[in-house]
Each structure stands twice: as structure tokens, then as C-alpha cells.
Amino acid sequence: MILQHGRPENMADRLEKEQKVYKLLDQLHIEYDRIDHEPAMHMDVCEEIDKTLGAMICKNLFLCNRQKTDFYLLLIPGDKVFKTKDLSAQIGSARLSFGTADYMEEFLDVTPGSVSILALMNDTEHLVRLLVDSDVLREEYFGCHPCINTSSLRLKTEDVFETFLKAVDHTMTEVHL
């Protein structure tokens, strides 16, 4: 794995949703470094990526309430254990569970293993509420996928949570897990 600055030189082999991420980041003048790798479906695979990136790779959990009327994207450090009862009390939503791949694709245009905060650019109807663990916000750099799990990006945390979120018209709720 080689850390590279900015978008790939050859964009022809990249999916449209990945190209869209690079285009938006470039338009917003957000600098980023990138690693291309084999598909990263689980957090254990992300450990090596995390070391090369020099950034915290988060667990990105797509959640919903029991009625499937409220949807959430939760970002927590990769080594933190997620307990639904701890989160439910903070956001006033009981019976949280994992959202289905169908909803993830419909709302965020990503598939399981590829979800990240950058997918909020596709949530133009604001159906997904962003929840971020406070530990994520303390890091200087933030690592995530560009809507595909064969690449990972390192961005400045402040660029993601200020510039990017504002540009895609989303806010976040800070949680403590």
C-alpha cells in the first residue's frame, strides 16, 4: 500500500460514486491522501490501512429504529465497542438495529463495507442523521472510504466536520459512547 496525495491519476477504472467524491473534495479545496487496497470489509483489515494512513479509521454503522422511520450513520473509533442502549438514551430512540443494505444503497448510494461520512453527499433528502462519538472529533486526521471499500482517504478532521458537512447541508450530533 502506497500513500498518495489527491485523486488517482487514472480515473477511468473508478466507479462514478468514487469519482464524485474526489470531484467534491477538490471543489471544496479539501486536501486528502489516499491508499488503494484490497476490499476492506471488516475492521481487522483496516488496521494496516490505519497505520499507513496515520489516521483514525472509524467504524461507520448504519442504524435505524424499529419502525424503520429514522436512520443514523454512527461514527465511532474502530476499537470501541458499540452498545445500542448507550446510544439509544442519548438520541431518544429505542430499539436501534442495523439498517438494511437496501436502505443504505437507497439513501447513501453505498453498499455494506463502503459506508462512510462522505456518502452523506448522496443524502440530498436528509434522511440519515449523523452521530459522531466525541473521541473521533479529538483526532487531527480522519480516515474513511470514498464510497468504495478499495480505497481509503486521510483528511483533516476539521475539514470533514466543518467544510464538508456544511457543503452537503448536514449537521452532526456528538455522542459519548
Protein backbone atom coordinates (compact mmCIF):
# COMPACT_ATOMS: atom_id res chain seq x y z
CA MET A 1 0.00 0.00 0.00
CA ILE A 2 1.34 3.36 -1.04
CA LEU A 3 0.15 6.66 0.39
CA GLN A 4 -0.60 9.06 -2.47
CA HIS A 5 -1.73 12.67 -2.42
CA GLY A 6 -5.06 13.54 -4.03
CA ARG A 7 -7.16 11.80 -6.65
CA PRO A 8 -5.93 8.87 -8.74
CA GLU A 9 -4.20 9.80 -11.99
CA ASN A 10 -6.31 7.35 -13.97
CA MET A 11 -9.98 7.83 -13.11
CA ALA A 12 -11.28 5.62 -15.94
CA ASP A 13 -11.33 2.46 -13.80
CA ARG A 14 -13.03 4.14 -10.84
CA LEU A 15 -16.73 3.91 -10.10
CA GLU A 16 -18.76 7.05 -10.70
CA LYS A 17 -19.58 7.37 -6.98
CA GLU A 18 -15.87 7.38 -6.12
CA GLN A 19 -15.12 9.93 -8.83
CA LYS A 20 -17.92 12.11 -7.44
CA VAL A 21 -16.21 12.14 -4.01
CA TYR A 22 -12.87 13.28 -5.45
CA LYS A 23 -14.60 15.96 -7.51
CA LEU A 24 -16.42 17.38 -4.49
CA LEU A 25 -13.35 17.30 -2.24
CA ASP A 26 -11.34 19.08 -4.93
CA GLN A 27 -14.09 21.70 -5.43
CA LEU A 28 -14.10 22.34 -1.69
CA HIS A 29 -10.28 22.63 -1.67
CA ILE A 30 -10.07 19.84 0.90
CA GLU A 31 -6.69 18.15 0.73
CA TYR A 32 -6.52 14.41 1.16
CA ASP A 33 -4.14 11.50 0.92
CA ARG A 34 -5.24 8.17 -0.48
CA ILE A 35 -4.37 4.48 -0.32
CA ASP A 36 -5.71 1.91 -2.76
CA HIS A 37 -6.07 -1.61 -1.35
CA GLU A 38 -8.00 -4.86 -1.49
CA PRO A 39 -11.64 -4.63 -0.36
CA ALA A 40 -11.77 -3.79 3.36
CA MET A 41 -14.92 -5.44 4.66
CA HIS A 42 -14.01 -5.62 8.37
CA MET A 43 -12.14 -3.57 10.95
CA ASP A 44 -9.24 -6.07 11.24
CA VAL A 45 -8.35 -5.37 7.60
CA CYS A 46 -8.44 -1.65 8.34
CA GLU A 47 -5.67 -1.87 10.97
CA GLU A 48 -2.88 -1.98 8.37
CA ILE A 49 -4.60 0.75 6.36
CA ASP A 50 -4.90 2.84 9.55
CA LYS A 51 -1.14 2.56 10.20
CA THR A 52 -0.24 3.56 6.64
CA LEU A 53 -2.72 6.45 6.62
CA GLY A 54 -1.71 7.74 10.02
CA ALA A 55 -5.36 8.49 10.76
CA MET A 56 -8.14 7.04 12.86
CA ILE A 57 -10.28 4.69 10.82
CA CYS A 58 -13.79 4.71 12.22
CA LYS A 59 -16.47 2.11 12.38
CA ASN A 60 -19.28 3.50 10.24
CA LEU A 61 -22.50 1.93 11.43
CA PHE A 62 -25.73 2.41 9.50
CA LEU A 63 -28.57 2.14 12.02
CA CYS A 64 -32.33 2.53 12.17
CA ASN A 65 -35.13 2.46 14.70
CA ARG A 66 -37.52 -0.47 14.98
CA GLN A 67 -40.15 1.19 12.78
CA LYS A 68 -37.55 1.92 10.08
CA THR A 69 -38.55 5.59 10.07
CA ASP A 70 -35.34 7.09 11.50
CA PHE A 71 -31.91 6.32 10.08
CA TYR A 72 -28.49 7.08 11.50
CA LEU A 73 -24.86 6.95 10.48
CA LEU A 74 -22.77 6.43 13.62
CA LEU A 75 -19.01 7.04 13.58
CA ILE A 76 -17.00 5.55 16.45
CA PRO A 77 -13.32 4.66 16.84
CA GLY A 78 -12.53 1.26 15.37
CA ASP A 79 -11.51 -0.18 18.73
CA LYS A 80 -14.61 0.98 20.62
CA VAL A 81 -17.41 -1.44 21.41
CA PHE A 82 -20.88 -0.32 20.37
CA LYS A 83 -23.76 -0.88 22.79
CA THR A 84 -27.16 0.18 21.49
CA LYS A 85 -28.53 1.04 24.95
CA ASP A 86 -25.77 3.64 25.48
CA LEU A 87 -26.67 5.37 22.23
CA SER A 88 -30.45 4.98 22.42
CA ALA A 89 -30.66 7.02 25.62
CA GLN A 90 -28.62 9.89 24.12
CA ILE A 91 -30.65 10.26 20.94
CA GLY A 92 -34.10 9.38 22.28
CA SER A 93 -34.61 6.40 20.01
CA ALA A 94 -35.30 2.95 21.41
CA ARG A 95 -34.66 -0.36 19.73
CA LEU A 96 -31.86 0.56 17.37
CA SER A 97 -30.66 -2.06 14.94
CA PHE A 98 -28.55 -2.19 11.81
CA GLY A 99 -30.18 -0.70 8.73
CA THR A 100 -30.54 -2.93 5.70
CA ALA A 101 -28.30 -2.83 2.66
CA ASP A 102 -31.34 -1.74 0.60
CA TYR A 103 -31.84 1.41 2.68
CA MET A 104 -28.10 2.08 2.73
CA GLU A 105 -27.98 1.97 -1.04
CA GLU A 106 -31.20 3.94 -1.49
CA PHE A 107 -30.24 6.78 0.88
CA LEU A 108 -26.44 6.88 0.62
CA ASP A 109 -25.63 5.12 -2.69
CA VAL A 110 -23.17 2.76 -0.97
CA THR A 111 -23.05 -0.93 -0.21
CA PRO A 112 -22.11 -2.61 3.09
CA GLY A 113 -18.41 -2.24 3.80
CA SER A 114 -18.21 1.05 1.87
CA VAL A 115 -20.33 3.35 4.03
CA SER A 116 -18.63 6.50 5.29
CA ILE A 117 -19.40 10.09 6.16
CA LEU A 118 -18.60 11.02 2.55
CA ALA A 119 -21.73 9.14 1.44
CA LEU A 120 -23.81 11.91 3.04
CA MET A 121 -23.22 13.84 -0.18
CA ASN A 122 -25.78 11.45 -1.69
CA ASP A 123 -28.37 12.00 1.05
CA THR A 124 -29.99 15.03 -0.54
CA GLU A 125 -33.29 14.41 1.25
CA HIS A 126 -31.60 14.40 4.68
CA LEU A 127 -32.95 11.01 5.68
CA VAL A 128 -29.82 9.97 7.59
CA ARG A 129 -28.81 11.66 10.84
CA LEU A 130 -25.07 11.79 11.55
CA LEU A 131 -23.94 10.72 15.03
CA VAL A 132 -20.27 11.09 15.93
CA ASP A 133 -18.55 9.78 19.03
CA SER A 134 -16.63 12.55 20.80
CA ASP A 135 -13.35 10.59 20.57
CA VAL A 136 -13.45 10.85 16.76
CA LEU A 137 -13.56 14.64 16.96
CA ARG A 138 -10.38 14.79 19.09
CA GLU A 139 -8.16 13.37 16.35
CA GLU A 140 -6.26 15.63 13.93
CA TYR A 141 -6.86 13.30 11.00
CA PHE A 142 -9.81 11.23 9.97
CA GLY A 143 -9.78 8.16 7.72
CA CYS A 144 -12.69 6.93 5.60
CA HIS A 145 -13.64 5.30 2.33
CA PRO A 146 -14.56 7.39 -0.73
CA CYS A 147 -17.88 5.47 -1.06
CA ILE A 148 -15.98 2.34 -2.12
CA ASN A 149 -14.01 0.00 0.12
CA THR A 150 -11.00 -0.44 -2.18
CA SER A 151 -9.58 2.98 -1.28
CA SER A 152 -9.18 4.91 1.95
CA LEU A 153 -8.62 8.61 2.45
CA ARG A 154 -6.92 10.68 5.15
CA LEU A 155 -8.49 14.09 5.67
CA LYS A 156 -8.14 16.72 8.36
CA THR A 157 -10.91 16.16 10.87
CA GLU A 158 -11.85 19.85 10.88
CA ASP A 159 -12.19 19.82 7.06
CA VAL A 160 -14.62 16.91 7.26
CA PHE A 161 -16.77 18.19 10.10
CA GLU A 162 -16.81 21.83 9.11
CA THR A 163 -16.26 22.32 5.38
CA PHE A 164 -17.58 19.02 4.00
CA LEU A 165 -20.67 18.75 6.22
CA LYS A 166 -21.62 22.35 5.52
CA ALA A 167 -21.23 21.78 1.77
CA VAL A 168 -23.53 18.74 1.81
CA ASP A 169 -26.00 20.53 4.12
CA HIS A 170 -25.73 18.08 7.03
CA THR A 171 -25.12 18.55 10.71
CA MET A 172 -23.88 16.13 13.32
CA THR A 173 -24.88 15.13 16.80
CA GLU A 174 -21.97 14.46 19.12
CA VAL A 175 -22.46 11.39 21.30
CA HIS A 176 -20.40 9.88 24.12
CA LEU A 177 -20.01 6.11 23.98
